Amino acid sequence: MVTRLVVLLLLCWGLAAFAQSSKPFAGASLVFQWVEGTPLTSLMLQTGSYDFGGGFGARASVGIGVSPNFLELGADLLFPVGAGRLMPYGGIGGNWVGLGALNIFGIRGLAGVNYSTASDAGLFAEAVPTLYLASDATGIYGTAFGIQVRFGVNYLF
């Protein structure tokens, strides 16, 4: 029940950013992630905007784990620096990873760069360090540090 509510909220956030912006995007990325030395690889879909208003953007994402199988949901605030073909940006956000009976909640920062290849497409790369809080069926909590490296493409509307 809680997972469905989180998914709905993240999708609404991404769609709101998409609908109310002069720079909405939708895209996909390949994600390489390491959590305390354990590699996780996923494919991620995202939607949002680089210009949601007030100098910041917003993004919602859904990831499907390839190795091992897992589901990831995330939301980020993006802070673009400048404008033009090469646009660096930073951000903060959070995510949830469901890995079998393990629920992992992350608080993350991000640094990335978007390169506009044409008027309607952009390539991006990001580094996303994350502090994870984990719980399992017994309710035991622990912390872990992880980092994601993302490479992808966004279609700009």
Protein backbone atom coordinates (compact mmCIF):
# COMPACT_ATOMS: atom_id res chain seq x y z
CA MET A 1 0.00 0.00 0.00
CA VAL A 2 2.73 2.47 0.97
CA THR A 3 4.75 1.57 -2.14
CA ARG A 4 1.78 2.28 -4.40
CA LEU A 5 1.25 5.65 -2.72
CA VAL A 6 4.92 6.55 -3.16
CA VAL A 7 4.79 5.56 -6.85
CA LEU A 8 1.69 7.68 -7.38
CA LEU A 9 3.25 10.72 -5.65
CA LEU A 10 6.48 10.42 -7.65
CA LEU A 11 4.62 10.12 -10.93
CA CYS A 12 2.45 13.13 -10.06
CA TRP A 13 5.57 15.14 -9.20
CA GLY A 14 7.22 14.26 -12.50
CA LEU A 15 4.08 14.93 -14.53
CA ALA A 16 3.51 18.28 -12.78
CA ALA A 17 7.07 19.33 -13.61
CA PHE A 18 6.56 18.11 -17.16
CA ALA A 19 3.24 19.94 -17.66
CA GLN A 20 4.07 23.29 -16.07
CA SER A 21 7.43 23.98 -17.58
CA SER A 22 9.09 25.61 -20.53
CA LYS A 23 11.79 22.86 -20.52
CA PRO A 24 10.06 19.50 -19.87
CA PHE A 25 11.84 16.25 -20.67
CA ALA A 26 11.38 12.50 -20.68
CA GLY A 27 14.21 10.05 -21.04
CA ALA A 28 16.06 6.90 -20.14
CA SER A 29 19.43 6.04 -18.65
CA LEU A 30 21.73 3.18 -17.83
CA VAL A 31 22.67 3.21 -14.13
CA PHE A 32 25.70 1.61 -12.53
CA GLN A 33 25.37 1.59 -8.74
CA TRP A 34 27.50 0.36 -5.87
CA VAL A 35 26.17 0.01 -2.32
CA GLU A 36 28.91 -0.89 0.16
CA GLY A 37 30.80 -2.59 -2.68
CA THR A 38 27.79 -4.53 -4.04
CA PRO A 39 27.16 -3.69 -7.73
CA LEU A 40 23.61 -3.02 -8.93
CA THR A 41 22.83 -2.28 -12.58
CA SER A 42 19.52 -0.84 -13.76
CA LEU A 43 17.63 0.83 -16.56
CA MET A 44 15.87 4.02 -15.50
CA LEU A 45 13.04 6.08 -17.00
CA GLN A 46 12.61 9.68 -15.91
CA THR A 47 10.40 12.66 -16.54
CA GLY A 48 10.54 16.20 -15.27
CA SER A 49 11.85 19.64 -16.12
CA TYR A 50 15.07 21.62 -15.93
CA ASP A 51 13.03 24.82 -15.44
CA PHE A 52 10.17 24.15 -13.02
CA GLY A 53 10.34 27.72 -11.70
CA GLY A 54 12.40 29.78 -9.30
CA GLY A 55 15.68 28.61 -10.81
CA PHE A 56 15.20 24.91 -10.12
CA GLY A 57 13.91 21.81 -11.86
CA ALA A 58 12.29 18.60 -10.69
CA ARG A 59 12.49 14.99 -11.81
CA ALA A 60 10.77 11.69 -10.98
CA SER A 61 12.30 8.35 -11.96
CA VAL A 62 11.52 4.64 -12.03
CA GLY A 63 14.33 2.09 -12.31
CA ILE A 64 14.22 -1.62 -13.07
CA GLY A 65 17.16 -3.64 -11.77
CA VAL A 66 18.91 -5.81 -14.32
CA SER A 67 21.50 -7.40 -12.05
CA PRO A 68 20.06 -8.34 -9.53
CA ASN A 69 16.30 -7.79 -9.95
CA PHE A 70 14.99 -4.78 -8.01
CA LEU A 71 12.69 -1.78 -8.32
CA GLU A 72 13.81 1.79 -7.64
CA LEU A 73 11.71 4.95 -7.34
CA GLY A 74 13.22 8.40 -6.97
CA ALA A 75 12.55 12.13 -6.98
CA ASP A 76 15.04 14.98 -7.22
CA LEU A 77 15.21 18.76 -7.17
CA LEU A 78 17.61 19.97 -9.87
CA PHE A 79 19.59 23.22 -9.79
CA PRO A 80 20.85 24.07 -13.31
CA VAL A 81 23.90 26.31 -13.61
CA GLY A 82 23.60 28.55 -16.65
CA ALA A 83 22.03 27.76 -19.97
CA GLY A 84 23.23 26.70 -23.38
CA ARG A 85 24.29 23.49 -25.08
CA LEU A 86 26.42 22.36 -22.13
CA MET A 87 24.50 22.75 -18.87
CA PRO A 88 25.97 21.57 -15.57
CA TYR A 89 23.57 21.01 -12.69
CA GLY A 90 23.44 19.81 -9.12
CA GLY A 91 20.61 18.51 -7.03
CA ILE A 92 19.23 16.77 -3.97
CA GLY A 93 16.66 14.03 -3.68
CA GLY A 94 15.56 10.72 -2.32
CA ASN A 95 14.85 7.21 -3.49
CA TRP A 96 13.44 3.86 -2.45
CA VAL A 97 14.90 0.53 -3.59
CA GLY A 98 12.95 -2.69 -3.15
CA LEU A 99 15.34 -5.64 -3.22
CA GLY A 100 13.42 -8.77 -2.23
CA ALA A 101 12.42 -8.44 1.46
CA LEU A 102 14.84 -5.53 1.90
CA ASN A 103 13.59 -1.92 1.71
CA ILE A 104 16.30 0.68 1.20
CA PHE A 105 15.59 4.42 1.51
CA GLY A 106 18.19 6.86 0.24
CA ILE A 107 18.99 10.53 0.72
CA ARG A 108 21.16 11.73 -2.12
CA GLY A 109 22.96 14.56 -3.78
CA LEU A 110 23.85 14.69 -7.44
CA ALA A 111 26.16 16.42 -9.88
CA GLY A 112 25.64 16.15 -13.60
CA VAL A 113 25.98 17.71 -16.99
CA ASN A 114 23.52 17.79 -19.90
CA TYR A 115 24.71 18.31 -23.47
CA SER A 116 22.04 19.36 -25.97
CA THR A 117 22.75 17.50 -29.20
CA ALA A 118 19.85 19.07 -31.09
CA SER A 119 16.91 21.30 -30.31
CA ASP A 120 14.95 18.34 -28.94
CA ALA A 121 17.50 15.94 -27.41
CA GLY A 122 20.17 15.95 -24.74
CA LEU A 123 22.78 13.51 -23.46
CA PHE A 124 23.56 13.51 -19.76
CA ALA A 125 25.94 12.00 -17.25
CA GLU A 126 25.58 12.12 -13.44
CA ALA A 127 27.30 11.04 -10.26
CA VAL A 128 24.86 10.43 -7.39
CA PRO A 129 26.31 9.75 -3.91
CA THR A 130 23.65 8.34 -1.55
CA LEU A 131 23.28 7.56 2.14
CA TYR A 132 20.98 4.53 2.48
CA LEU A 133 18.84 3.51 5.44
CA ALA A 134 17.79 -0.14 5.20
CA SER A 135 15.15 -2.29 6.87
CA ASP A 136 14.07 -5.88 6.40
CA ALA A 137 11.09 -7.96 7.53
CA THR A 138 12.43 -8.08 11.11
CA GLY A 139 12.54 -4.29 11.27
CA ILE A 140 16.32 -4.13 11.74
CA TYR A 141 17.75 -0.88 10.46
CA GLY A 142 21.21 -0.23 9.14
CA THR A 143 23.01 2.37 7.05
CA ALA A 144 25.12 2.05 3.93
CA PHE A 145 26.85 4.41 1.54
CA GLY A 146 26.37 4.05 -2.20
CA ILE A 147 27.06 5.85 -5.43
CA GLN A 148 25.32 5.79 -8.79
CA VAL A 149 26.83 6.71 -12.14
CA ARG A 150 24.20 7.43 -14.80
CA PHE A 151 24.48 7.85 -18.57
CA GLY A 152 21.38 8.65 -20.59
CA VAL A 153 19.38 10.62 -23.07
CA ASN A 154 16.46 12.99 -22.56
CA TYR A 155 13.96 14.10 -25.16
CA LEU A 156 13.19 17.79 -24.61
CA PHE A 157 9.68 18.99 -25.46
